[in-house]
Amino acid sequence: FERTSTNQITNWYSIKEYTKSTAVI
């Protein structure tokens, strides 16, 4: 989750709820 659309991600957070086509963040 970043301020700009860069690929340089400072922190990664686990996604706990997802299916084959959906994800809750």
mmCIF file of all heavy atoms, coordinates in Angstrom:
data_MODEL
# 
_entry.id   MODEL 
# 
loop_
_atom_site.group_PDB 
_atom_site.id 
_atom_site.type_symbol 
_atom_site.label_atom_id 
_atom_site.label_alt_id 
_atom_site.label_comp_id 
_atom_site.label_asym_id 
_atom_site.label_entity_id 
_atom_site.label_seq_id 
_atom_site.pdbx_PDB_ins_code 
_atom_site.Cartn_x 
_atom_site.Cartn_y 
_atom_site.Cartn_z 
_atom_site.occupancy 
_atom_site.B_iso_or_equiv 
_atom_site.pdbx_formal_charge 
_atom_site.auth_seq_id 
_atom_site.auth_comp_id 
_atom_site.auth_asym_id 
_atom_site.auth_atom_id 
_atom_site.pdbx_PDB_model_num 
ATOM 1   N N   . PHE A 1 1  ? 0.853   -1.189  0.000   1.00 0.00 ? 1  PHE A N   1 
ATOM 2   C CA  . PHE A 1 1  ? 0.000   0.000   0.000   1.00 0.00 ? 1  PHE A CA  1 
ATOM 3   C C   . PHE A 1 1  ? 0.882   1.229   0.000   1.00 0.00 ? 1  PHE A C   1 
ATOM 4   O O   . PHE A 1 1  ? 1.558   1.536   0.992   1.00 0.00 ? 1  PHE A O   1 
ATOM 5   C CB  . PHE A 1 1  ? -0.907  -0.033  1.227   1.00 0.00 ? 1  PHE A CB  1 
ATOM 6   C CG  . PHE A 1 1  ? -1.925  1.069   1.280   1.00 0.00 ? 1  PHE A CG  1 
ATOM 7   C CD1 . PHE A 1 1  ? -2.833  1.273   0.251   1.00 0.00 ? 1  PHE A CD1 1 
ATOM 8   C CD2 . PHE A 1 1  ? -1.994  1.906   2.387   1.00 0.00 ? 1  PHE A CD2 1 
ATOM 9   C CE1 . PHE A 1 1  ? -3.779  2.283   0.313   1.00 0.00 ? 1  PHE A CE1 1 
ATOM 10  C CE2 . PHE A 1 1  ? -2.938  2.914   2.462   1.00 0.00 ? 1  PHE A CE2 1 
ATOM 11  C CZ  . PHE A 1 1  ? -3.828  3.108   1.419   1.00 0.00 ? 1  PHE A CZ  1 
ATOM 12  N N   . GLU A 1 2  ? 0.901   1.955   -1.132  1.00 0.00 ? 2  GLU A N   1 
ATOM 13  C CA  . GLU A 1 2  ? 1.813   3.073   -1.284  1.00 0.00 ? 2  GLU A CA  1 
ATOM 14  C C   . GLU A 1 2  ? 1.084   4.312   -1.802  1.00 0.00 ? 2  GLU A C   1 
ATOM 15  O O   . GLU A 1 2  ? -0.053  4.229   -2.289  1.00 0.00 ? 2  GLU A O   1 
ATOM 16  C CB  . GLU A 1 2  ? 2.952   2.719   -2.250  1.00 0.00 ? 2  GLU A CB  1 
ATOM 17  C CG  . GLU A 1 2  ? 3.795   1.527   -1.813  1.00 0.00 ? 2  GLU A CG  1 
ATOM 18  C CD  . GLU A 1 2  ? 4.609   1.804   -0.561  1.00 0.00 ? 2  GLU A CD  1 
ATOM 19  O OE1 . GLU A 1 2  ? 4.908   3.004   -0.291  1.00 0.00 ? 2  GLU A OE1 1 
ATOM 20  O OE2 . GLU A 1 2  ? 4.974   0.847   0.147   1.00 0.00 ? 2  GLU A OE2 1 
ATOM 21  N N   . ARG A 1 3  ? 1.766   5.452   -1.712  1.00 0.00 ? 3  ARG A N   1 
ATOM 22  C CA  . ARG A 1 3  ? 1.215   6.725   -2.177  1.00 0.00 ? 3  ARG A CA  1 
ATOM 23  C C   . ARG A 1 3  ? 1.266   6.849   -3.686  1.00 0.00 ? 3  ARG A C   1 
ATOM 24  O O   . ARG A 1 3  ? 0.457   7.560   -4.275  1.00 0.00 ? 3  ARG A O   1 
ATOM 25  C CB  . ARG A 1 3  ? 1.958   7.898   -1.553  1.00 0.00 ? 3  ARG A CB  1 
ATOM 26  C CG  . ARG A 1 3  ? 1.981   7.911   -0.038  1.00 0.00 ? 3  ARG A CG  1 
ATOM 27  C CD  . ARG A 1 3  ? 2.729   9.119   0.480   1.00 0.00 ? 3  ARG A CD  1 
ATOM 28  N NE  . ARG A 1 3  ? 2.915   9.081   1.912   1.00 0.00 ? 3  ARG A NE  1 
ATOM 29  C CZ  . ARG A 1 3  ? 3.446   10.043  2.636   1.00 0.00 ? 3  ARG A CZ  1 
ATOM 30  N NH1 . ARG A 1 3  ? 3.883   11.146  2.020   1.00 0.00 ? 3  ARG A NH1 1 
ATOM 31  N NH2 . ARG A 1 3  ? 3.583   9.925   3.947   1.00 0.00 ? 3  ARG A NH2 1 
ATOM 32  N N   . THR A 1 4  ? 2.260   6.193   -4.331  1.00 0.00 ? 4  THR A N   1 
ATOM 33  C CA  . THR A 1 4  ? 2.451   6.316   -5.767  1.00 0.00 ? 4  THR A CA  1 
ATOM 34  C C   . THR A 1 4  ? 2.401   4.937   -6.424  1.00 0.00 ? 4  THR A C   1 
ATOM 35  O O   . THR A 1 4  ? 2.488   3.899   -5.757  1.00 0.00 ? 4  THR A O   1 
ATOM 36  C CB  . THR A 1 4  ? 3.795   6.990   -6.101  1.00 0.00 ? 4  THR A CB  1 
ATOM 37  O OG1 . THR A 1 4  ? 4.870   6.173   -5.589  1.00 0.00 ? 4  THR A OG1 1 
ATOM 38  C CG2 . THR A 1 4  ? 3.870   8.376   -5.470  1.00 0.00 ? 4  THR A CG2 1 
ATOM 39  N N   . SER A 1 5  ? 2.273   4.945   -7.744  1.00 0.00 ? 5  SER A N   1 
ATOM 40  C CA  . SER A 1 5  ? 2.159   3.702   -8.501  1.00 0.00 ? 5  SER A CA  1 
ATOM 41  C C   . SER A 1 5  ? 3.523   3.147   -8.879  1.00 0.00 ? 5  SER A C   1 
ATOM 42  O O   . SER A 1 5  ? 3.791   2.844   -10.043 1.00 0.00 ? 5  SER A O   1 
ATOM 43  C CB  . SER A 1 5  ? 1.308   3.929   -9.757  1.00 0.00 ? 5  SER A CB  1 
ATOM 44  O OG  . SER A 1 5  ? 1.897   4.947   -10.567 1.00 0.00 ? 5  SER A OG  1 
ATOM 45  N N   . THR A 1 6  ? 4.380   2.971   -7.910  1.00 0.00 ? 6  THR A N   1 
ATOM 46  C CA  . THR A 1 6  ? 5.694   2.385   -8.160  1.00 0.00 ? 6  THR A CA  1 
ATOM 47  C C   . THR A 1 6  ? 5.700   0.940   -7.686  1.00 0.00 ? 6  THR A C   1 
ATOM 48  O O   . THR A 1 6  ? 4.851   0.509   -6.911  1.00 0.00 ? 6  THR A O   1 
ATOM 49  C CB  . THR A 1 6  ? 6.790   3.161   -7.424  1.00 0.00 ? 6  THR A CB  1 
ATOM 50  O OG1 . THR A 1 6  ? 6.598   3.032   -6.003  1.00 0.00 ? 6  THR A OG1 1 
ATOM 51  C CG2 . THR A 1 6  ? 6.757   4.628   -7.806  1.00 0.00 ? 6  THR A CG2 1 
ATOM 52  N N   . ASN A 1 7  ? 6.659   0.205   -8.172  1.00 0.00 ? 7  ASN A N   1 
ATOM 53  C CA  . ASN A 1 7  ? 6.798   -1.185  -7.756  1.00 0.00 ? 7  ASN A CA  1 
ATOM 54  C C   . ASN A 1 7  ? 7.701   -1.342  -6.533  1.00 0.00 ? 7  ASN A C   1 
ATOM 55  O O   . ASN A 1 7  ? 7.965   -2.463  -6.097  1.00 0.00 ? 7  ASN A O   1 
ATOM 56  C CB  . ASN A 1 7  ? 7.343   -2.031  -8.906  1.00 0.00 ? 7  ASN A CB  1 
ATOM 57  C CG  . ASN A 1 7  ? 6.332   -2.172  -10.029 1.00 0.00 ? 7  ASN A CG  1 
ATOM 58  O OD1 . ASN A 1 7  ? 5.144   -2.300  -9.780  1.00 0.00 ? 7  ASN A OD1 1 
ATOM 59  N ND2 . ASN A 1 7  ? 6.814   -2.169  -11.268 1.00 0.00 ? 7  ASN A ND2 1 
ATOM 60  N N   . GLN A 1 8  ? 8.173   -0.249  -5.989  1.00 0.00 ? 8  GLN A N   1 
ATOM 61  C CA  . GLN A 1 8  ? 9.030   -0.287  -4.813  1.00 0.00 ? 8  GLN A CA  1 
ATOM 62  C C   . GLN A 1 8  ? 8.184   -0.285  -3.551  1.00 0.00 ? 8  GLN A C   1 
ATOM 63  O O   . GLN A 1 8  ? 7.854   0.748   -2.985  1.00 0.00 ? 8  GLN A O   1 
ATOM 64  C CB  . GLN A 1 8  ? 10.000  0.890   -4.824  1.00 0.00 ? 8  GLN A CB  1 
ATOM 65  C CG  . GLN A 1 8  ? 10.958  0.875   -6.014  1.00 0.00 ? 8  GLN A CG  1 
ATOM 66  C CD  . GLN A 1 8  ? 11.894  2.074   -6.020  1.00 0.00 ? 8  GLN A CD  1 
ATOM 67  O OE1 . GLN A 1 8  ? 11.775  2.977   -5.186  1.00 0.00 ? 8  GLN A OE1 1 
ATOM 68  N NE2 . GLN A 1 8  ? 12.847  2.084   -6.962  1.00 0.00 ? 8  GLN A NE2 1 
ATOM 69  N N   . ILE A 1 9  ? 7.801   -1.475  -3.117  1.00 0.00 ? 9  ILE A N   1 
ATOM 70  C CA  . ILE A 1 9  ? 6.926   -1.632  -1.967  1.00 0.00 ? 9  ILE A CA  1 
ATOM 71  C C   . ILE A 1 9  ? 7.768   -1.680  -0.696  1.00 0.00 ? 9  ILE A C   1 
ATOM 72  O O   . ILE A 1 9  ? 8.674   -2.512  -0.564  1.00 0.00 ? 9  ILE A O   1 
ATOM 73  C CB  . ILE A 1 9  ? 6.066   -2.897  -2.078  1.00 0.00 ? 9  ILE A CB  1 
ATOM 74  C CG1 . ILE A 1 9  ? 5.371   -2.945  -3.446  1.00 0.00 ? 9  ILE A CG1 1 
ATOM 75  C CG2 . ILE A 1 9  ? 5.072   -2.965  -0.941  1.00 0.00 ? 9  ILE A CG2 1 
ATOM 76  C CD1 . ILE A 1 9  ? 4.440   -1.802  -3.712  1.00 0.00 ? 9  ILE A CD1 1 
ATOM 77  N N   . THR A 1 10 ? 7.466   -0.783  0.236   1.00 0.00 ? 10 THR A N   1 
ATOM 78  C CA  . THR A 1 10 ? 8.226   -0.731  1.487   1.00 0.00 ? 10 THR A CA  1 
ATOM 79  C C   . THR A 1 10 ? 7.818   -1.849  2.436   1.00 0.00 ? 10 THR A C   1 
ATOM 80  O O   . THR A 1 10 ? 8.651   -2.520  3.032   1.00 0.00 ? 10 THR A O   1 
ATOM 81  C CB  . THR A 1 10 ? 8.023   0.625   2.173   1.00 0.00 ? 10 THR A CB  1 
ATOM 82  O OG1 . THR A 1 10 ? 8.373   1.680   1.265   1.00 0.00 ? 10 THR A OG1 1 
ATOM 83  C CG2 . THR A 1 10 ? 8.865   0.731   3.434   1.00 0.00 ? 10 THR A CG2 1 
ATOM 84  N N   . ASN A 1 11 ? 6.492   -2.042  2.576   1.00 0.00 ? 11 ASN A N   1 
ATOM 85  C CA  . ASN A 1 11 ? 5.981   -3.052  3.507   1.00 0.00 ? 11 ASN A CA  1 
ATOM 86  C C   . ASN A 1 11 ? 4.947   -3.933  2.818   1.00 0.00 ? 11 ASN A C   1 
ATOM 87  O O   . ASN A 1 11 ? 4.140   -3.459  2.009   1.00 0.00 ? 11 ASN A O   1 
ATOM 88  C CB  . ASN A 1 11 ? 5.333   -2.386  4.730   1.00 0.00 ? 11 ASN A CB  1 
ATOM 89  C CG  . ASN A 1 11 ? 6.308   -1.529  5.518   1.00 0.00 ? 11 ASN A CG  1 
ATOM 90  O OD1 . ASN A 1 11 ? 7.252   -2.020  6.124   1.00 0.00 ? 11 ASN A OD1 1 
ATOM 91  N ND2 . ASN A 1 11 ? 6.071   -0.221  5.529   1.00 0.00 ? 11 ASN A ND2 1 
ATOM 92  N N   . TRP A 1 12 ? 4.985   -5.233  3.124   1.00 0.00 ? 12 TRP A N   1 
ATOM 93  C CA  . TRP A 1 12 ? 4.012   -6.183  2.622   1.00 0.00 ? 12 TRP A CA  1 
ATOM 94  C C   . TRP A 1 12 ? 3.155   -6.684  3.786   1.00 0.00 ? 12 TRP A C   1 
ATOM 95  O O   . TRP A 1 12 ? 3.657   -6.925  4.871   1.00 0.00 ? 12 TRP A O   1 
ATOM 96  C CB  . TRP A 1 12 ? 4.680   -7.373  1.926   1.00 0.00 ? 12 TRP A CB  1 
ATOM 97  C CG  . TRP A 1 12 ? 5.360   -7.003  0.631   1.00 0.00 ? 12 TRP A CG  1 
ATOM 98  C CD1 . TRP A 1 12 ? 6.684   -6.745  0.467   1.00 0.00 ? 12 TRP A CD1 1 
ATOM 99  C CD2 . TRP A 1 12 ? 4.751   -6.868  -0.634  1.00 0.00 ? 12 TRP A CD2 1 
ATOM 100 N NE1 . TRP A 1 12 ? 6.958   -6.447  -0.840  1.00 0.00 ? 12 TRP A NE1 1 
ATOM 101 C CE2 . TRP A 1 12 ? 5.773   -6.514  -1.556  1.00 0.00 ? 12 TRP A CE2 1 
ATOM 102 C CE3 . TRP A 1 12 ? 3.452   -6.992  -1.119  1.00 0.00 ? 12 TRP A CE3 1 
ATOM 103 C CZ2 . TRP A 1 12 ? 5.553   -6.293  -2.904  1.00 0.00 ? 12 TRP A CZ2 1 
ATOM 104 C CZ3 . TRP A 1 12 ? 3.220   -6.777  -2.469  1.00 0.00 ? 12 TRP A CZ3 1 
ATOM 105 C CH2 . TRP A 1 12 ? 4.255   -6.434  -3.347  1.00 0.00 ? 12 TRP A CH2 1 
ATOM 106 N N   . TYR A 1 13 ? 1.841   -6.825  3.519   1.00 0.00 ? 13 TYR A N   1 
ATOM 107 C CA  . TYR A 1 13 ? 0.906   -7.253  4.554   1.00 0.00 ? 13 TYR A CA  1 
ATOM 108 C C   . TYR A 1 13 ? 0.125   -8.467  4.048   1.00 0.00 ? 13 TYR A C   1 
ATOM 109 O O   . TYR A 1 13 ? -0.247  -8.543  2.869   1.00 0.00 ? 13 TYR A O   1 
ATOM 110 C CB  . TYR A 1 13 ? -0.070  -6.128  4.916   1.00 0.00 ? 13 TYR A CB  1 
ATOM 111 C CG  . TYR A 1 13 ? 0.621   -4.855  5.349   1.00 0.00 ? 13 TYR A CG  1 
ATOM 112 C CD1 . TYR A 1 13 ? 0.958   -3.879  4.411   1.00 0.00 ? 13 TYR A CD1 1 
ATOM 113 C CD2 . TYR A 1 13 ? 0.939   -4.624  6.675   1.00 0.00 ? 13 TYR A CD2 1 
ATOM 114 C CE1 . TYR A 1 13 ? 1.604   -2.713  4.792   1.00 0.00 ? 13 TYR A CE1 1 
ATOM 115 C CE2 . TYR A 1 13 ? 1.578   -3.457  7.070   1.00 0.00 ? 13 TYR A CE2 1 
ATOM 116 C CZ  . TYR A 1 13 ? 1.910   -2.506  6.131   1.00 0.00 ? 13 TYR A CZ  1 
ATOM 117 O OH  . TYR A 1 13 ? 2.542   -1.336  6.510   1.00 0.00 ? 13 TYR A OH  1 
ATOM 118 N N   . SER A 1 14 ? -0.138  -9.393  4.930   1.00 0.00 ? 14 SER A N   1 
ATOM 119 C CA  . SER A 1 14 ? -0.781  -10.643 4.563   1.00 0.00 ? 14 SER A CA  1 
ATOM 120 C C   . SER A 1 14 ? -2.247  -10.420 4.171   1.00 0.00 ? 14 SER A C   1 
ATOM 121 O O   . SER A 1 14 ? -2.963  -9.629  4.799   1.00 0.00 ? 14 SER A O   1 
ATOM 122 C CB  . SER A 1 14 ? -0.706  -11.633 5.723   1.00 0.00 ? 14 SER A CB  1 
ATOM 123 O OG  . SER A 1 14 ? -1.415  -12.823 5.428   1.00 0.00 ? 14 SER A OG  1 
ATOM 124 N N   . ILE A 1 15 ? -2.687  -11.130 3.121   1.00 0.00 ? 15 ILE A N   1 
ATOM 125 C CA  . ILE A 1 15 ? -4.096  -11.159 2.720   1.00 0.00 ? 15 ILE A CA  1 
ATOM 126 C C   . ILE A 1 15 ? -4.711  -12.424 3.304   1.00 0.00 ? 15 ILE A C   1 
ATOM 127 O O   . ILE A 1 15 ? -4.353  -13.540 2.935   1.00 0.00 ? 15 ILE A O   1 
ATOM 128 C CB  . ILE A 1 15 ? -4.244  -11.144 1.187   1.00 0.00 ? 15 ILE A CB  1 
ATOM 129 C CG1 . ILE A 1 15 ? -3.592  -9.892  0.597   1.00 0.00 ? 15 ILE A CG1 1 
ATOM 130 C CG2 . ILE A 1 15 ? -5.720  -11.205 0.797   1.00 0.00 ? 15 ILE A CG2 1 
ATOM 131 C CD1 . ILE A 1 15 ? -3.613  -9.839  -0.922  1.00 0.00 ? 15 ILE A CD1 1 
ATOM 132 N N   . LYS A 1 16 ? -5.664  -12.259 4.198   1.00 0.00 ? 16 LYS A N   1 
ATOM 133 C CA  . LYS A 1 16 ? -6.213  -13.398 4.925   1.00 0.00 ? 16 LYS A CA  1 
ATOM 134 C C   . LYS A 1 16 ? -7.463  -13.982 4.278   1.00 0.00 ? 16 LYS A C   1 
ATOM 135 O O   . LYS A 1 16 ? -7.795  -15.139 4.506   1.00 0.00 ? 16 LYS A O   1 
ATOM 136 C CB  . LYS A 1 16 ? -6.530  -12.972 6.362   1.00 0.00 ? 16 LYS A CB  1 
ATOM 137 C CG  . LYS A 1 16 ? -5.306  -12.495 7.132   1.00 0.00 ? 16 LYS A CG  1 
ATOM 138 C CD  . LYS A 1 16 ? -5.693  -12.029 8.529   1.00 0.00 ? 16 LYS A CD  1 
ATOM 139 C CE  . LYS A 1 16 ? -4.467  -11.530 9.290   1.00 0.00 ? 16 LYS A CE  1 
ATOM 140 N NZ  . LYS A 1 16 ? -4.839  -11.045 10.655  1.00 0.00 ? 16 LYS A NZ  1 
ATOM 141 N N   . GLU A 1 17 ? -8.168  -13.181 3.480   1.00 0.00 ? 17 GLU A N   1 
ATOM 142 C CA  . GLU A 1 17 ? -9.443  -13.622 2.913   1.00 0.00 ? 17 GLU A CA  1 
ATOM 143 C C   . GLU A 1 17 ? -9.396  -13.503 1.392   1.00 0.00 ? 17 GLU A C   1 
ATOM 144 O O   . GLU A 1 17 ? -9.317  -12.404 0.855   1.00 0.00 ? 17 GLU A O   1 
ATOM 145 C CB  . GLU A 1 17 ? -10.589 -12.781 3.484   1.00 0.00 ? 17 GLU A CB  1 
ATOM 146 C CG  . GLU A 1 17 ? -11.974 -13.213 3.044   1.00 0.00 ? 17 GLU A CG  1 
ATOM 147 C CD  . GLU A 1 17 ? -13.059 -12.329 3.637   1.00 0.00 ? 17 GLU A CD  1 
ATOM 148 O OE1 . GLU A 1 17 ? -12.759 -11.563 4.595   1.00 0.00 ? 17 GLU A OE1 1 
ATOM 149 O OE2 . GLU A 1 17 ? -14.207 -12.389 3.140   1.00 0.00 ? 17 GLU A OE2 1 
ATOM 150 N N   . TYR A 1 18 ? -9.440  -14.662 0.677   1.00 0.00 ? 18 TYR A N   1 
ATOM 151 C CA  . TYR A 1 18 ? -9.417  -14.631 -0.787  1.00 0.00 ? 18 TYR A CA  1 
ATOM 152 C C   . TYR A 1 18 ? -9.971  -15.936 -1.347  1.00 0.00 ? 18 TYR A C   1 
ATOM 153 O O   . TYR A 1 18 ? -10.011 -16.982 -0.674  1.00 0.00 ? 18 TYR A O   1 
ATOM 154 C CB  . TYR A 1 18 ? -8.016  -14.365 -1.322  1.00 0.00 ? 18 TYR A CB  1 
ATOM 155 C CG  . TYR A 1 18 ? -6.965  -15.379 -0.886  1.00 0.00 ? 18 TYR A CG  1 
ATOM 156 C CD1 . TYR A 1 18 ? -6.668  -16.491 -1.658  1.00 0.00 ? 18 TYR A CD1 1 
ATOM 157 C CD2 . TYR A 1 18 ? -6.257  -15.198 0.302   1.00 0.00 ? 18 TYR A CD2 1 
ATOM 158 C CE1 . TYR A 1 18 ? -5.708  -17.412 -1.267  1.00 0.00 ? 18 TYR A CE1 1 
ATOM 159 C CE2 . TYR A 1 18 ? -5.294  -16.112 0.710   1.00 0.00 ? 18 TYR A CE2 1 
ATOM 160 C CZ  . TYR A 1 18 ? -5.038  -17.218 -0.085  1.00 0.00 ? 18 TYR A CZ  1 
ATOM 161 O OH  . TYR A 1 18 ? -4.083  -18.133 0.316   1.00 0.00 ? 18 TYR A OH  1 
ATOM 162 N N   . THR A 1 19 ? -10.414 -15.858 -2.630  1.00 0.00 ? 19 THR A N   1 
ATOM 163 C CA  . THR A 1 19 ? -10.876 -17.022 -3.379  1.00 0.00 ? 19 THR A CA  1 
ATOM 164 C C   . THR A 1 19 ? -10.093 -17.081 -4.692  1.00 0.00 ? 19 THR A C   1 
ATOM 165 O O   . THR A 1 19 ? -9.078  -16.385 -4.844  1.00 0.00 ? 19 THR A O   1 
ATOM 166 C CB  . THR A 1 19 ? -12.387 -16.929 -3.669  1.00 0.00 ? 19 THR A CB  1 
ATOM 167 O OG1 . THR A 1 19 ? -12.631 -15.843 -4.582  1.00 0.00 ? 19 THR A OG1 1 
ATOM 168 C CG2 . THR A 1 19 ? -13.183 -16.730 -2.383  1.00 0.00 ? 19 THR A CG2 1 
ATOM 169 N N   . LYS A 1 20 ? -10.599 -17.857 -5.640  1.00 0.00 ? 20 LYS A N   1 
ATOM 170 C CA  . LYS A 1 20 ? -9.918  -17.941 -6.940  1.00 0.00 ? 20 LYS A CA  1 
ATOM 171 C C   . LYS A 1 20 ? -9.992  -16.634 -7.712  1.00 0.00 ? 20 LYS A C   1 
ATOM 172 O O   . LYS A 1 20 ? -9.138  -16.377 -8.573  1.00 0.00 ? 20 LYS A O   1 
ATOM 173 C CB  . LYS A 1 20 ? -10.532 -19.068 -7.773  1.00 0.00 ? 20 LYS A CB  1 
ATOM 174 C CG  . LYS A 1 20 ? -10.237 -20.454 -7.243  1.00 0.00 ? 20 LYS A CG  1 
ATOM 175 C CD  . LYS A 1 20 ? -10.855 -21.511 -8.158  1.00 0.00 ? 20 LYS A CD  1 
ATOM 176 C CE  . LYS A 1 20 ? -10.524 -22.922 -7.662  1.00 0.00 ? 20 LYS A CE  1 
ATOM 177 N NZ  . LYS A 1 20 ? -11.110 -23.970 -8.547  1.00 0.00 ? 20 LYS A NZ  1 
ATOM 178 N N   . SER A 1 21 ? -10.994 -15.808 -7.422  1.00 0.00 ? 21 SER A N   1 
ATOM 179 C CA  . SER A 1 21 ? -11.163 -14.588 -8.207  1.00 0.00 ? 21 SER A CA  1 
ATOM 180 C C   . SER A 1 21 ? -11.313 -13.319 -7.364  1.00 0.00 ? 21 SER A C   1 
ATOM 181 O O   . SER A 1 21 ? -11.380 -12.221 -7.915  1.00 0.00 ? 21 SER A O   1 
ATOM 182 C CB  . SER A 1 21 ? -12.396 -14.706 -9.119  1.00 0.00 ? 21 SER A CB  1 
ATOM 183 O OG  . SER A 1 21 ? -13.566 -14.920 -8.343  1.00 0.00 ? 21 SER A OG  1 
ATOM 184 N N   . THR A 1 22 ? -11.356 -13.446 -6.036  1.00 0.00 ? 22 THR A N   1 
ATOM 185 C CA  . THR A 1 22 ? -11.562 -12.277 -5.177  1.00 0.00 ? 22 THR A CA  1 
ATOM 186 C C   . THR A 1 22 ? -10.536 -12.235 -4.060  1.00 0.00 ? 22 THR A C   1 
ATOM 187 O O   . THR A 1 22 ? -9.957  -13.263 -3.678  1.00 0.00 ? 22 THR A O   1 
ATOM 188 C CB  . THR A 1 22 ? -12.968 -12.282 -4.549  1.00 0.00 ? 22 THR A CB  1 
ATOM 189 O OG1 . THR A 1 22 ? -13.098 -13.424 -3.682  1.00 0.00 ? 22 THR A OG1 1 
ATOM 190 C CG2 . THR A 1 22 ? -14.049 -12.322 -5.627  1.00 0.00 ? 22 THR A CG2 1 
ATOM 191 N N   . ALA A 1 23 ? -10.345 -11.029 -3.528  1.00 0.00 ? 23 ALA A N   1 
ATOM 192 C CA  . ALA A 1 23 ? -9.462  -10.843 -2.378  1.00 0.00 ? 23 ALA A CA  1 
ATOM 193 C C   . ALA A 1 23 ? -9.955  -9.657  -1.561  1.00 0.00 ? 23 ALA A C   1 
ATOM 194 O O   . ALA A 1 23 ? -10.345 -8.631  -2.116  1.00 0.00 ? 23 ALA A O   1 
ATOM 195 C CB  . ALA A 1 23 ? -8.015  -10.623 -2.825  1.00 0.00 ? 23 ALA A CB  1 
ATOM 196 N N   . VAL A 1 24 ? -9.941  -9.813  -0.238  1.00 0.00 ? 24 VAL A N   1 
ATOM 197 C CA  . VAL A 1 24 ? -10.326 -8.742  0.673   1.00 0.00 ? 24 VAL A CA  1 
ATOM 198 C C   . VAL A 1 24 ? -9.065  -8.209  1.344   1.00 0.00 ? 24 VAL A C   1 
ATOM 199 O O   . VAL A 1 24 ? -8.350  -8.947  2.009   1.00 0.00 ? 24 VAL A O   1 
ATOM 200 C CB  . VAL A 1 24 ? -11.333 -9.227  1.735   1.00 0.00 ? 24 VAL A CB  1 
ATOM 201 C CG1 . VAL A 1 24 ? -11.644 -8.098  2.723   1.00 0.00 ? 24 VAL A CG1 1 
ATOM 202 C CG2 . VAL A 1 24 ? -12.605 -9.726  1.070   1.00 0.00 ? 24 VAL A CG2 1 
ATOM 203 N N   . ILE A 1 25 ? -8.825  -6.903  1.166   1.00 0.00 ? 25 ILE A N   1 
ATOM 204 C CA  . ILE A 1 25 ? -7.613  -6.270  1.698   1.00 0.00 ? 25 ILE A CA  1 
ATOM 205 C C   . ILE A 1 25 ? -8.022  -5.244  2.746   1.00 0.00 ? 25 ILE A C   1 
ATOM 206 O O   . ILE A 1 25 ? -8.810  -4.338  2.467   1.00 0.00 ? 25 ILE A O   1 
ATOM 207 C CB  . ILE A 1 25 ? -6.812  -5.605  0.569   1.00 0.00 ? 25 ILE A CB  1 
ATOM 208 C CG1 . ILE A 1 25 ? -6.267  -6.692  -0.370  1.00 0.00 ? 25 ILE A CG1 1 
ATOM 209 C CG2 . ILE A 1 25 ? -5.681  -4.756  1.132   1.00 0.00 ? 25 ILE A CG2 1 
ATOM 210 C CD1 . ILE A 1 25 ? -5.568  -6.160  -1.586  1.00 0.00 ? 25 ILE A CD1 1 
# 
